PDB file of N, CA and C in Angstrom:
ATOM      1  N   MET A   1       0.860  -1.197  -0.012  1.00  0.00           N
ATOM      2  CA  MET A   1       0.006   0.022   0.062  1.00  0.00           C
ATOM      3  C   MET A   1       0.862   1.202   0.033  1.00  0.00           C
ATOM      4  N   SER A   2       0.666   2.032  -0.954  1.00  0.00           N
ATOM      5  CA  SER A   2       1.395   3.326  -0.960  1.00  0.00           C
ATOM      6  C   SER A   2       0.950   4.327   0.033  1.00  0.00           C
ATOM      7  N   ASN A   3       1.864   5.054   0.534  1.00  0.00           N
ATOM      8  CA  ASN A   3       1.426   6.110   1.547  1.00  0.00           C
ATOM      9  C   ASN A   3       1.322   7.473   0.860  1.00  0.00           C
ATOM     10  N   GLU A   4       1.127   7.477  -0.519  1.00  0.00           N
ATOM     11  CA  GLU A   4       0.867   8.639  -1.221  1.00  0.00           C
ATOM     12  C   GLU A   4      -0.536   8.987  -0.935  1.00  0.00           C
ATOM     13  N   HIS A   5      -0.885  10.297  -1.104  1.00  0.00           N
ATOM     14  CA  HIS A   5      -2.253  10.767  -0.830  1.00  0.00           C
ATOM     15  C   HIS A   5      -2.992  10.990  -2.195  1.00  0.00           C
ATOM     16  N   LYS A   6      -3.407   9.902  -2.688  1.00  0.00           N
ATOM     17  CA  LYS A   6      -4.216   9.860  -3.847  1.00  0.00           C
ATOM     18  C   LYS A   6      -5.645   9.756  -3.381  1.00  0.00           C
ATOM     19  N   ARG A   7      -6.303  10.938  -3.110  1.00  0.00           N
ATOM     20  CA  ARG A   7      -7.673  10.848  -2.478  1.00  0.00           C
ATOM     21  C   ARG A   7      -8.666  10.992  -3.534  1.00  0.00           C
ATOM     22  N   THR A   8      -9.952  10.712  -3.119  1.00  0.00           N
ATOM     23  CA  THR A   8     -10.958  10.641  -4.120  1.00  0.00           C
ATOM     24  C   THR A   8     -11.870  11.942  -3.915  1.00  0.00           C
ATOM     25  N   ALA A   9     -11.633  12.704  -2.944  1.00  0.00           N
ATOM     26  CA  ALA A   9     -12.555  13.873  -2.758  1.00  0.00           C
ATOM     27  C   ALA A   9     -11.809  15.108  -2.621  1.00  0.00           C
ATOM     28  N   GLU A  10     -12.471  16.237  -2.563  1.00  0.00           N
ATOM     29  CA  GLU A  10     -11.885  17.557  -2.480  1.00  0.00           C
ATOM     30  C   GLU A  10     -11.081  17.688  -1.148  1.00  0.00           C
ATOM     31  N   GLU A  11     -10.186  18.678  -1.155  1.00  0.00           N
ATOM     32  CA  GLU A  11      -9.470  18.985   0.057  1.00  0.00           C
ATOM     33  C   GLU A  11     -10.146  20.160   0.739  1.00  0.00           C
ATOM     34  N   ARG A  12      -9.983  20.158   1.996  1.00  0.00           N
ATOM     35  CA  ARG A  12     -10.460  21.399   2.909  1.00  0.00           C
ATOM     36  C   ARG A  12      -9.389  21.588   3.917  1.00  0.00           C
ATOM     37  N   ILE A  13      -9.277  22.868   4.324  1.00  0.00           N
ATOM     38  CA  ILE A  13      -8.434  23.194   5.446  1.00  0.00           C
ATOM     39  C   ILE A  13      -9.334  23.739   6.630  1.00  0.00           C
ATOM     40  N   VAL A  14      -8.932  23.157   7.800  1.00  0.00           N
ATOM     41  CA  VAL A  14      -9.612  23.479   9.012  1.00  0.00           C
ATOM     42  C   VAL A  14      -8.652  23.894  10.035  1.00  0.00           C
ATOM     43  N   THR A  15      -9.014  24.695  10.831  1.00  0.00           N
ATOM     44  CA  THR A  15      -8.187  25.196  11.986  1.00  0.00           C
ATOM     45  C   THR A  15      -8.684  24.739  13.272  1.00  0.00           C
ATOM     46  N   ASP A  16      -7.679  24.105  14.039  1.00  0.00           N
ATOM     47  CA  ASP A  16      -8.149  23.597  15.342  1.00  0.00           C
ATOM     48  C   ASP A  16      -7.998  24.669  16.482  1.00  0.00           C
ATOM     49  N   VAL A  17      -8.319  24.365  17.701  1.00  0.00           N
ATOM     50  CA  VAL A  17      -8.373  25.442  18.824  1.00  0.00           C
ATOM     51  C   VAL A  17      -7.028  25.821  19.158  1.00  0.00           C
ATOM     52  N   ILE A  18      -5.974  25.095  18.806  1.00  0.00           N
ATOM     53  CA  ILE A  18      -4.605  25.470  19.098  1.00  0.00           C
ATOM     54  C   ILE A  18      -3.877  26.091  17.912  1.00  0.00           C
ATOM     55  N   GLY A  19      -4.768  26.506  16.859  1.00  0.00           N
ATOM     56  CA  GLY A  19      -4.367  27.302  15.786  1.00  0.00           C
ATOM     57  C   GLY A  19      -3.622  26.535  14.593  1.00  0.00           C
ATOM     58  N   ARG A  20      -3.552  25.155  14.585  1.00  0.00           N
ATOM     59  CA  ARG A  20      -2.951  24.467  13.550  1.00  0.00           C
ATOM     60  C   ARG A  20      -3.992  24.416  12.379  1.00  0.00           C
ATOM     61  N   LYS A  21      -3.431  24.528  11.207  1.00  0.00           N
ATOM     62  CA  LYS A  21      -4.082  24.420   9.936  1.00  0.00           C
ATOM     63  C   LYS A  21      -4.053  22.907   9.458  1.00  0.00           C
ATOM     64  N   LEU A  22      -5.167  22.276   9.469  1.00  0.00           N
ATOM     65  CA  LEU A  22      -5.174  20.857   9.005  1.00  0.00           C
ATOM     66  C   LEU A  22      -5.826  20.723   7.683  1.00  0.00           C
ATOM     67  N   LYS A  23      -5.013  20.198   6.672  1.00  0.00           N
ATOM     68  CA  LYS A  23      -5.543  19.992   5.421  1.00  0.00           C
ATOM     69  C   LYS A  23      -6.158  18.547   5.409  1.00  0.00           C
ATOM     70  N   ILE A  24      -7.428  18.398   5.039  1.00  0.00           N
ATOM     71  CA  ILE A  24      -8.031  17.136   5.161  1.00  0.00           C
ATOM     72  C   ILE A  24      -8.562  16.695   3.724  1.00  0.00           C
ATOM     73  N   SER A  25      -8.722  15.486   3.459  1.00  0.00           N
ATOM     74  CA  SER A  25      -9.360  14.923   2.345  1.00  0.00           C
ATOM     75  C   SER A  25      -9.710  13.472   2.628  1.00  0.00           C
ATOM     76  N   GLU A  26     -10.821  13.035   2.020  1.00  0.00           N
ATOM     77  CA  GLU A  26     -11.384  11.740   2.285  1.00  0.00           C
ATOM     78  C   GLU A  26     -10.420  10.662   1.729  1.00  0.00           C
ATOM     79  N   PRO A  27      -9.973   9.645   2.472  1.00  0.00           N
ATOM     80  CA  PRO A  27      -9.165   8.577   1.859  1.00  0.00           C
ATOM     81  C   PRO A  27      -9.857   7.843   0.771  1.00  0.00           C
ATOM     82  N   ASN A  28      -9.166   7.276  -0.119  1.00  0.00           N
ATOM     83  CA  ASN A  28      -9.899   6.462  -1.165  1.00  0.00           C
ATOM     84  C   ASN A  28     -10.291   5.093  -0.647  1.00  0.00           C
ATOM     85  N   PHE A  29     -11.056   4.363  -1.343  1.00  0.00           N
ATOM     86  CA  PHE A  29     -11.577   3.106  -0.895  1.00  0.00           C
ATOM     87  C   PHE A  29     -10.533   2.145  -0.393  1.00  0.00           C
ATOM     88  N   MET A  30      -9.434   2.032  -1.108  1.00  0.00           N
ATOM     89  CA  MET A  30      -8.378   1.110  -0.705  1.00  0.00           C
ATOM     90  C   MET A  30      -7.717   1.480   0.525  1.00  0.00           C
ATOM     91  N   GLN A  31      -7.537   2.884   0.719  1.00  0.00           N
ATOM     92  CA  GLN A  31      -6.951   3.369   2.028  1.00  0.00           C
ATOM     93  C   GLN A  31      -7.748   3.013   3.120  1.00  0.00           C
ATOM     94  N   LYS A  32      -9.119   3.286   3.014  1.00  0.00           N
ATOM     95  CA  LYS A  32     -10.060   2.893   4.084  1.00  0.00           C
ATOM     96  C   LYS A  32      -9.995   1.437   4.415  1.00  0.00           C
ATOM     97  N   ALA A  33      -9.906   0.700   3.437  1.00  0.00           N
ATOM     98  CA  ALA A  33      -9.818  -0.848   3.618  1.00  0.00           C
ATOM     99  C   ALA A  33      -8.623  -1.148   4.431  1.00  0.00           C
ATOM    100  N   GLU A  34      -7.565  -0.597   4.007  1.00  0.00           N
ATOM    101  CA  GLU A  34      -6.173  -0.871   4.662  1.00  0.00           C
ATOM    102  C   GLU A  34      -6.229  -0.454   6.183  1.00  0.00           C
ATOM    103  N   VAL A  35      -6.743   0.685   6.414  1.00  0.00           N
ATOM    104  CA  VAL A  35      -6.843   1.211   7.786  1.00  0.00           C
ATOM    105  C   VAL A  35      -7.610   0.221   8.650  1.00  0.00           C
ATOM    106  N   THR A  36      -8.838  -0.185   8.129  1.00  0.00           N
ATOM    107  CA  THR A  36      -9.638  -1.188   8.749  1.00  0.00           C
ATOM    108  C   THR A  36      -8.818  -2.498   9.125  1.00  0.00           C
ATOM    109  N   ARG A  37      -8.177  -2.977   8.105  1.00  0.00           N
ATOM    110  CA  ARG A  37      -7.314  -4.120   8.281  1.00  0.00           C
ATOM    111  C   ARG A  37      -6.275  -4.004   9.330  1.00  0.00           C
ATOM    112  N   LEU A  38      -5.671  -2.844   9.324  1.00  0.00           N
ATOM    113  CA  LEU A  38      -4.570  -2.479  10.254  1.00  0.00           C
ATOM    114  C   LEU A  38      -5.079  -2.436  11.758  1.00  0.00           C
ATOM    115  N   CYS A  39      -6.409  -2.004  11.881  1.00  0.00           N
ATOM    116  CA  CYS A  39      -6.888  -1.761  13.147  1.00  0.00           C
ATOM    117  C   CYS A  39      -7.377  -3.189  13.697  1.00  0.00           C
ATOM    118  N   GLY A  40      -7.395  -4.203  12.933  1.00  0.00           N
ATOM    119  CA  GLY A  40      -7.755  -5.566  13.394  1.00  0.00           C
ATOM    120  C   GLY A  40      -9.067  -5.611  14.084  1.00  0.00           C
ATOM    121  N   ASP A  41      -9.126  -6.274  15.268  1.00  0.00           N
ATOM    122  CA  ASP A  41     -10.389  -6.399  16.047  1.00  0.00           C
ATOM    123  C   ASP A  41     -11.016  -5.070  16.388  1.00  0.00           C
ATOM    124  N   ASP A  42     -10.163  -4.067  16.563  1.00  0.00           N
ATOM    125  CA  ASP A  42     -10.687  -2.673  16.974  1.00  0.00           C
ATOM    126  C   ASP A  42     -11.551  -2.157  15.843  1.00  0.00           C
ATOM    127  N   SER A  43     -11.404  -2.637  14.546  1.00  0.00           N
ATOM    128  CA  SER A  43     -12.156  -2.004  13.617  1.00  0.00           C
ATOM    129  C   SER A  43     -13.606  -2.293  13.600  1.00  0.00           C
ATOM    130  N   THR A  44     -14.064  -3.280  14.473  1.00  0.00           N
ATOM    131  CA  THR A  44     -15.425  -3.490  14.718  1.00  0.00           C
ATOM    132  C   THR A  44     -16.143  -2.438  15.520  1.00  0.00           C
ATOM    133  N   ASN A  45     -15.295  -1.606  16.228  1.00  0.00           N
ATOM    134  CA  ASN A  45     -15.858  -0.624  17.127  1.00  0.00           C
ATOM    135  C   ASN A  45     -16.088   0.588  16.343  1.00  0.00           C
ATOM    136  N   VAL A  46     -17.229   0.837  15.935  1.00  0.00           N
ATOM    137  CA  VAL A  46     -17.695   1.932  15.018  1.00  0.00           C
ATOM    138  C   VAL A  46     -17.254   3.323  15.619  1.00  0.00           C
ATOM    139  N   GLY A  47     -17.576   3.565  16.963  1.00  0.00           N
ATOM    140  CA  GLY A  47     -17.261   4.706  17.612  1.00  0.00           C
ATOM    141  C   GLY A  47     -15.749   5.075  17.612  1.00  0.00           C
ATOM    142  N   TYR A  48     -14.907   4.072  17.805  1.00  0.00           N
ATOM    143  CA  TYR A  48     -13.449   4.216  17.764  1.00  0.00           C
ATOM    144  C   TYR A  48     -12.980   4.520  16.408  1.00  0.00           C
ATOM    145  N   MET A  49     -13.590   3.767  15.380  1.00  0.00           N
ATOM    146  CA  MET A  49     -13.026   3.985  14.040  1.00  0.00           C
ATOM    147  C   MET A  49     -13.493   5.296  13.428  1.00  0.00           C
ATOM    148  N   TYR A  50     -14.734   5.788  13.690  1.00  0.00           N
ATOM    149  CA  TYR A  50     -15.211   7.008  13.127  1.00  0.00           C
ATOM    150  C   TYR A  50     -15.102   8.220  14.012  1.00  0.00           C
ATOM    151  N   GLY A  51     -14.807   7.956  15.251  1.00  0.00           N
ATOM    152  CA  GLY A  51     -14.609   9.140  16.209  1.00  0.00           C
ATOM    153  C   GLY A  51     -13.066   9.449  16.455  1.00  0.00           C
ATOM    154  N   PHE A  52     -12.253   8.448  16.186  1.00  0.00           N
ATOM    155  CA  PHE A  52     -10.853   8.691  16.521  1.00  0.00           C
ATOM    156  C   PHE A  52      -9.917   8.321  15.324  1.00  0.00           C
ATOM    157  N   VAL A  53     -10.019   7.170  14.757  1.00  0.00           N
ATOM    158  CA  VAL A  53      -9.156   6.688  13.730  1.00  0.00           C
ATOM    159  C   VAL A  53      -9.296   7.391  12.411  1.00  0.00           C
ATOM    160  N   MET A  54     -10.509   7.265  11.751  1.00  0.00           N
ATOM    161  CA  MET A  54     -10.696   7.928  10.484  1.00  0.00           C
ATOM    162  C   MET A  54     -10.504   9.429  10.393  1.00  0.00           C
ATOM    163  N   PRO A  55     -11.026  10.243  11.361  1.00  0.00           N
ATOM    164  CA  PRO A  55     -10.715  11.685  11.346  1.00  0.00           C
ATOM    165  C   PRO A  55      -9.190  11.836  11.101  1.00  0.00           C
ATOM    166  N   CYS A  56      -8.310  11.232  11.809  1.00  0.00           N
ATOM    167  CA  CYS A  56      -6.937  11.362  11.777  1.00  0.00           C
ATOM    168  C   CYS A  56      -6.451  10.994  10.373  1.00  0.00           C
ATOM    169  N   CYS A  57      -6.979   9.817   9.802  1.00  0.00           N
ATOM    170  CA  CYS A  57      -6.599   9.427   8.534  1.00  0.00           C
ATOM    171  C   CYS A  57      -7.004  10.279   7.395  1.00  0.00           C
ATOM    172  N   TRP A  58      -7.888  11.222   7.593  1.00  0.00           N
ATOM    173  CA  TRP A  58      -8.258  12.252   6.648  1.00  0.00           C
ATOM    174  C   TRP A  58      -7.195  13.336   6.483  1.00  0.00           C
ATOM    175  N   VAL A  59      -6.220  13.490   7.449  1.00  0.00           N
ATOM    176  CA  VAL A  59      -5.284  14.546   7.495  1.00  0.00           C
ATOM    177  C   VAL A  59      -4.269  14.289   6.472  1.00  0.00           C
ATOM    178  N   THR A  60      -4.026  15.271   5.492  1.00  0.00           N
ATOM    179  CA  THR A  60      -2.968  15.232   4.593  1.00  0.00           C
ATOM    180  C   THR A  60      -1.792  16.168   4.806  1.00  0.00           C
ATOM    181  N   ALA A  61      -2.019  17.148   5.687  1.00  0.00           N
ATOM    182  CA  ALA A  61      -1.038  18.037   6.096  1.00  0.00           C
ATOM    183  C   ALA A  61      -1.360  18.760   7.378  1.00  0.00           C
ATOM    184  N   ILE A  62      -0.329  19.107   8.115  1.00  0.00           N
ATOM    185  CA  ILE A  62      -0.539  19.964   9.286  1.00  0.00           C
ATOM    186  C   ILE A  62       0.412  21.171   9.133  1.00  0.00           C
ATOM    187  N   ASP A  63      -0.197  22.351   9.102  1.00  0.00           N
ATOM    188  CA  ASP A  63       0.560  23.590   8.941  1.00  0.00           C
ATOM    189  C   ASP A  63       1.388  23.515   7.719  1.00  0.00           C
ATOM    190  N   ASP A  64       0.853  22.999   6.617  1.00  0.00           N
ATOM    191  CA  ASP A  64       1.477  22.844   5.371  1.00  0.00           C
ATOM    192  C   ASP A  64       2.670  21.819   5.301  1.00  0.00           C
ATOM    193  N   VAL A  65       2.840  21.016   6.315  1.00  0.00           N
ATOM    194  CA  VAL A  65       3.722  19.994   6.383  1.00  0.00           C
ATOM    195  C   VAL A  65       3.023  18.680   5.991  1.00  0.00           C
ATOM    196  N   PRO A  66       3.370  18.077   4.877  1.00  0.00           N
ATOM    197  CA  PRO A  66       2.640  16.860   4.459  1.00  0.00           C
ATOM    198  C   PRO A  66       2.656  15.706   5.511  1.00  0.00           C
ATOM    199  N   VAL A  67       1.505  15.073   5.536  1.00  0.00           N
ATOM    200  CA  VAL A  67       1.367  13.885   6.635  1.00  0.00           C
ATOM    201  C   VAL A  67       1.221  12.665   5.729  1.00  0.00           C
ATOM    202  N   PRO A  68       2.179  11.776   5.759  1.00  0.00           N
ATOM    203  CA  PRO A  68       2.056  10.492   5.004  1.00  0.00           C
ATOM    204  C   PRO A  68       0.876   9.701   5.540  1.00  0.00           C
ATOM    205  N   PHE A  69       0.133   8.991   4.664  1.00  0.00           N
ATOM    206  CA  PHE A  69      -0.905   8.078   5.080  1.00  0.00           C
ATOM    207  C   PHE A  69      -0.275   6.984   5.752  1.00  0.00           C
ATOM    208  N   PRO A  70      -0.810   6.576   6.991  1.00  0.00           N
ATOM    209  CA  PRO A  70      -0.366   5.481   7.863  1.00  0.00           C
ATOM    210  C   PRO A  70      -0.444   4.140   7.069  1.00  0.00           C
ATOM    211  N   VAL A  71       0.633   3.388   7.166  1.00  0.00           N
ATOM    212  CA  VAL A  71       0.735   2.017   6.585  1.00  0.00           C
ATOM    213  C   VAL A  71       0.893   0.856   7.596  1.00  0.00           C
ATOM    214  N   THR A  72       1.021   1.299   8.850  1.00  0.00           N
ATOM    215  CA  THR A  72       1.111   0.300   9.969  1.00  0.00           C
ATOM    216  C   THR A  72       0.280   0.715  11.157  1.00  0.00           C
ATOM    217  N   HIS A  73      -0.122  -0.151  11.923  1.00  0.00           N
ATOM    218  CA  HIS A  73      -0.970   0.219  13.176  1.00  0.00           C
ATOM    219  C   HIS A  73      -0.224   1.188  13.987  1.00  0.00           C
ATOM    220  N   ARG A  74       1.047   1.105  14.158  1.00  0.00           N
ATOM    221  CA  ARG A  74       1.787   1.966  14.953  1.00  0.00           C
ATOM    222  C   ARG A  74       1.757   3.396  14.373  1.00  0.00           C
ATOM    223  N   GLU A  75       1.791   3.478  13.007  1.00  0.00           N
ATOM    224  CA  GLU A  75       1.667   4.907  12.348  1.00  0.00           C
ATOM    225  C   GLU A  75       0.335   5.410  12.671  1.00  0.00           C
ATOM    226  N   ILE A  76      -0.722   4.619  12.681  1.00  0.00           N
ATOM    227  CA  ILE A  76      -2.072   5.120  12.905  1.00  0.00           C
ATOM    228  C   ILE A  76      -2.104   5.672  14.387  1.00  0.00           C
ATOM    229  N   LEU A  77      -1.548   4.976  15.268  1.00  0.00           N
ATOM    230  CA  LEU A  77      -1.481   5.447  16.713  1.00  0.00           C
ATOM    231  C   LEU A  77      -0.639   6.715  16.835  1.00  0.00           C
ATOM    232  N   GLY A  78       0.386   6.846  16.005  1.00  0.00           N
ATOM    233  CA  GLY A  78       1.245   7.977  16.072  1.00  0.00           C
ATOM    234  C   GLY A  78       0.478   9.260  15.492  1.00  0.00           C
ATOM    235  N   LEU A  79      -0.299   8.937  14.358  1.00  0.00           N
ATOM    236  CA  LEU A  79      -1.015  10.048  13.771  1.00  0.00           C
ATOM    237  C   LEU A  79      -2.171  10.433  14.728  1.00  0.00           C
ATOM    238  N   MET A  80      -2.769   9.603  15.344  1.00  0.00           N
ATOM    239  CA  MET A  80      -3.823   9.953  16.328  1.00  0.00           C
ATOM    240  C   MET A  80      -3.232  10.783  17.478  1.00  0.00           C
ATOM    241  N   GLN A  81      -2.078  10.456  17.977  1.00  0.00           N
ATOM    242  CA  GLN A  81      -1.451  11.271  19.024  1.00  0.00           C
ATOM    243  C   GLN A  81      -1.108  12.640  18.395  1.00  0.00           C
ATOM    244  N   ARG A  82      -0.577  12.711  17.180  1.00  0.00           N
ATOM    245  CA  ARG A  82      -0.094  13.871  16.615  1.00  0.00           C
ATOM    246  C   ARG A  82      -1.334  14.815  16.326  1.00  0.00           C
ATOM    247  N   VAL A  83      -2.553  14.328  15.866  1.00  0.00           N
ATOM    248  CA  VAL A  83      -3.679  15.123  15.630  1.00  0.00           C
ATOM    249  C   VAL A  83      -4.322  15.502  16.895  1.00  0.00           C
ATOM    250  N   GLY A  84      -4.485  14.568  17.757  1.00  0.00           N
ATOM    251  CA  GLY A  84      -5.066  14.839  19.051  1.00  0.00           C
ATOM    252  C   GLY A  84      -6.536  15.162  19.041  1.00  0.00           C
ATOM    253  N   GLU A  85      -7.055  15.411  20.317  1.00  0.00           N
ATOM    254  CA  GLU A  85      -8.455  15.711  20.425  1.00  0.00           C
ATOM    255  C   GLU A  85      -8.739  17.095  19.726  1.00  0.00           C
ATOM    256  N   GLU A  86      -7.792  18.048  19.841  1.00  0.00           N
ATOM    257  CA  GLU A  86      -8.051  19.360  19.192  1.00  0.00           C
ATOM    258  C   GLU A  86      -8.228  19.168  17.767  1.00  0.00           C
ATOM    259  N   GLY A  87      -7.490  18.407  17.056  1.00  0.00           N
ATOM    260  CA  GLY A  87      -7.617  18.263  15.758  1.00  0.00           C
ATOM    261  C   GLY A  87      -8.879  17.535  15.314  1.00  0.00           C
ATOM    262  N   VAL A  88      -9.193  16.468  16.066  1.00  0.00           N
ATOM    263  CA  VAL A  88     -10.314  15.640  15.749  1.00  0.00           C
ATOM    264  C   VAL A  88     -11.687  16.444  15.831  1.00  0.00           C
ATOM    265  N   VAL A  89     -11.778  17.256  16.859  1.00  0.00           N
ATOM    266  CA  VAL A  89     -12.859  18.199  17.129  1.00  0.00           C
ATOM    267  C   VAL A  89     -13.048  19.114  15.916  1.00  0.00           C
ATOM    268  N   ALA A  90     -11.897  19.607  15.333  1.00  0.00           N
ATOM    269  CA  ALA A  90     -12.007  20.445  14.183  1.00  0.00           C
ATOM    270  C   ALA A  90     -12.360  19.737  12.848  1.00  0.00           C
ATOM    271  N   ILE A  91     -11.905  18.475  12.845  1.00  0.00           N
ATOM    272  CA  ILE A  91     -12.044  17.640  11.498  1.00  0.00           C
ATOM    273  C   ILE A  91     -13.492  17.139  11.361  1.00  0.00           C
ATOM    274  N   LEU A  92     -14.105  16.599  12.441  1.00  0.00           N
ATOM    275  CA  LEU A  92     -15.333  15.877  12.365  1.00  0.00           C
ATOM    276  C   LEU A  92     -16.393  16.650  11.704  1.00  0.00           C
ATOM    277  N   PRO A  93     -16.669  18.067  11.989  1.00  0.00           N
ATOM    278  CA  PRO A  93     -17.714  18.754  11.197  1.00  0.00           C
ATOM    279  C   PRO A  93     -17.392  18.796   9.735  1.00  0.00           C
ATOM    280  N   ALA A  94     -16.124  18.995   9.383  1.00  0.00           N
ATOM    281  CA  ALA A  94     -15.754  19.161   8.017  1.00  0.00           C
ATOM    282  C   ALA A  94     -15.931  17.840   7.312  1.00  0.00           C
ATOM    283  N   MET A  95     -15.608  16.720   8.004  1.00  0.00           N
ATOM    284  CA  MET A  95     -15.809  15.282   7.380  1.00  0.00           C
ATOM    285  C   MET A  95     -17.361  15.189   7.013  1.00  0.00           C
ATOM    286  N   GLN A  96     -18.211  15.645   7.995  1.00  0.00           N
ATOM    287  CA  GLN A  96     -19.598  15.502   7.785  1.00  0.00           C
ATOM    288  C   GLN A  96     -20.000  16.284   6.532  1.00  0.00           C
ATOM    289  N   GLU A  97     -19.585  17.653   6.421  1.00  0.00           N
ATOM    290  CA  GLU A  97     -19.969  18.474   5.375  1.00  0.00           C
ATOM    291  C   GLU A  97     -19.483  17.783   3.983  1.00  0.00           C
ATOM    292  N   LEU A  98     -18.318  17.288   3.993  1.00  0.00           N
ATOM    293  CA  LEU A  98     -17.711  16.836   2.703  1.00  0.00           C
ATOM    294  C   LEU A  98     -18.475  15.576   2.336  1.00  0.00           C
ATOM    295  N   THR A  99     -18.843  14.754   3.352  1.00  0.00           N
ATOM    296  CA  THR A  99     -19.503  13.484   3.058  1.00  0.00           C
ATOM    297  C   THR A  99     -20.915  13.807   2.609  1.00  0.00           C
ATOM    298  N   ASP A 100     -21.630  14.762   3.308  1.00  0.00           N
ATOM    299  CA  ASP A 100     -22.930  15.179   2.902  1.00  0.00           C
ATOM    300  C   ASP A 100     -23.022  15.775   1.447  1.00  0.00           C
ATOM    301  N   SER A 101     -21.994  16.610   1.102  1.00  0.00           N
ATOM    302  CA  SER A 101     -21.933  17.135  -0.137  1.00  0.00           C
ATOM    303  C   SER A 101     -21.786  16.142  -1.239  1.00  0.00           C
ATOM    304  N   LYS A 102     -20.937  15.100  -0.915  1.00  0.00           N
ATOM    305  CA  LYS A 102     -20.819  14.005  -1.819  1.00  0.00           C
ATOM    306  C   LYS A 102     -21.990  13.260  -2.073  1.00  0.00           C
ATOM    307  N   LYS A 103     -22.825  13.053  -1.067  1.00  0.00           N
ATOM    308  CA  LYS A 103     -24.064  12.372  -1.226  1.00  0.00           C
ATOM    309  C   LYS A 103     -25.082  13.246  -2.065  1.00  0.00           C
ATOM    310  N   VAL A 104     -25.070  14.537  -1.958  1.00  0.00           N
ATOM    311  CA  VAL A 104     -25.978  15.317  -2.765  1.00  0.00           C
ATOM    312  C   VAL A 104     -25.593  15.270  -4.133  1.00  0.00           C
ATOM    313  N   VAL A 105     -24.245  15.279  -4.439  1.00  0.00           N
ATOM    314  CA  VAL A 105     -23.835  15.176  -5.830  1.00  0.00           C
ATOM    315  C   VAL A 105     -24.177  13.768  -6.350  1.00  0.00           C
ATOM    316  N   GLU A 106     -24.106  12.762  -5.687  1.00  0.00           N
ATOM    317  CA  GLU A 106     -24.331  11.411  -6.189  1.00  0.00           C
ATOM    318  C   GLU A 106     -25.894  11.284  -6.444  1.00  0.00           C
ATOM    319  N   SER A 107     -26.733  11.774  -5.477  1.00  0.00           N
ATOM    320  CA  SER A 107     -28.111  11.749  -5.756  1.00  0.00           C
ATOM    321  C   SER A 107     -28.537  12.617  -6.902  1.00  0.00           C
ATOM    322  N   ALA A 108     -27.854  13.727  -7.271  1.00  0.00           N
ATOM    323  CA  ALA A 108     -28.213  14.489  -8.340  1.00  0.00           C
ATOM    324  C   ALA A 108     -27.956  13.837  -9.694  1.00  0.00           C
ATOM    325  N   LYS A 109     -26.962  12.910  -9.647  1.00  0.00           N
ATOM    326  CA  LYS A 109     -26.520  12.150 -10.843  1.00  0.00           C
ATOM    327  C   LYS A 109     -27.628  11.100 -11.152  1.00  0.00           C
ATOM    328  N   ASN A 110     -28.392  10.683 -10.167  1.00  0.00           N
ATOM    329  CA  ASN A 110     -29.346   9.620 -10.384  1.00  0.00           C
ATOM    330  C   ASN A 110     -30.682  10.194 -10.773  1.00  0.00           C
TER     331      ASN A 110
END
């Protein structure tokens, strides 16, 4: 699995409460699958995956410094520590907006 950021959705920049600029973009299908595999048994915990892991995996840069996509479980944990609660709180609403806008576009196609 490449740790290049070949994402499927638009990018957005959010600012967390400590002033960091977080560039986010939805991981592609294979990246999501790989994160799920790397999390093992923890991947069945929806709250953990969508409240902690996935928001962090949406981060492509922090303060314009690129963030490589995690390719090991240890890298996922390191990314979670780096993004922290402050980052996740800023990312979650933007994730929802981007996901909702994607649904609107898909429904308009049908």
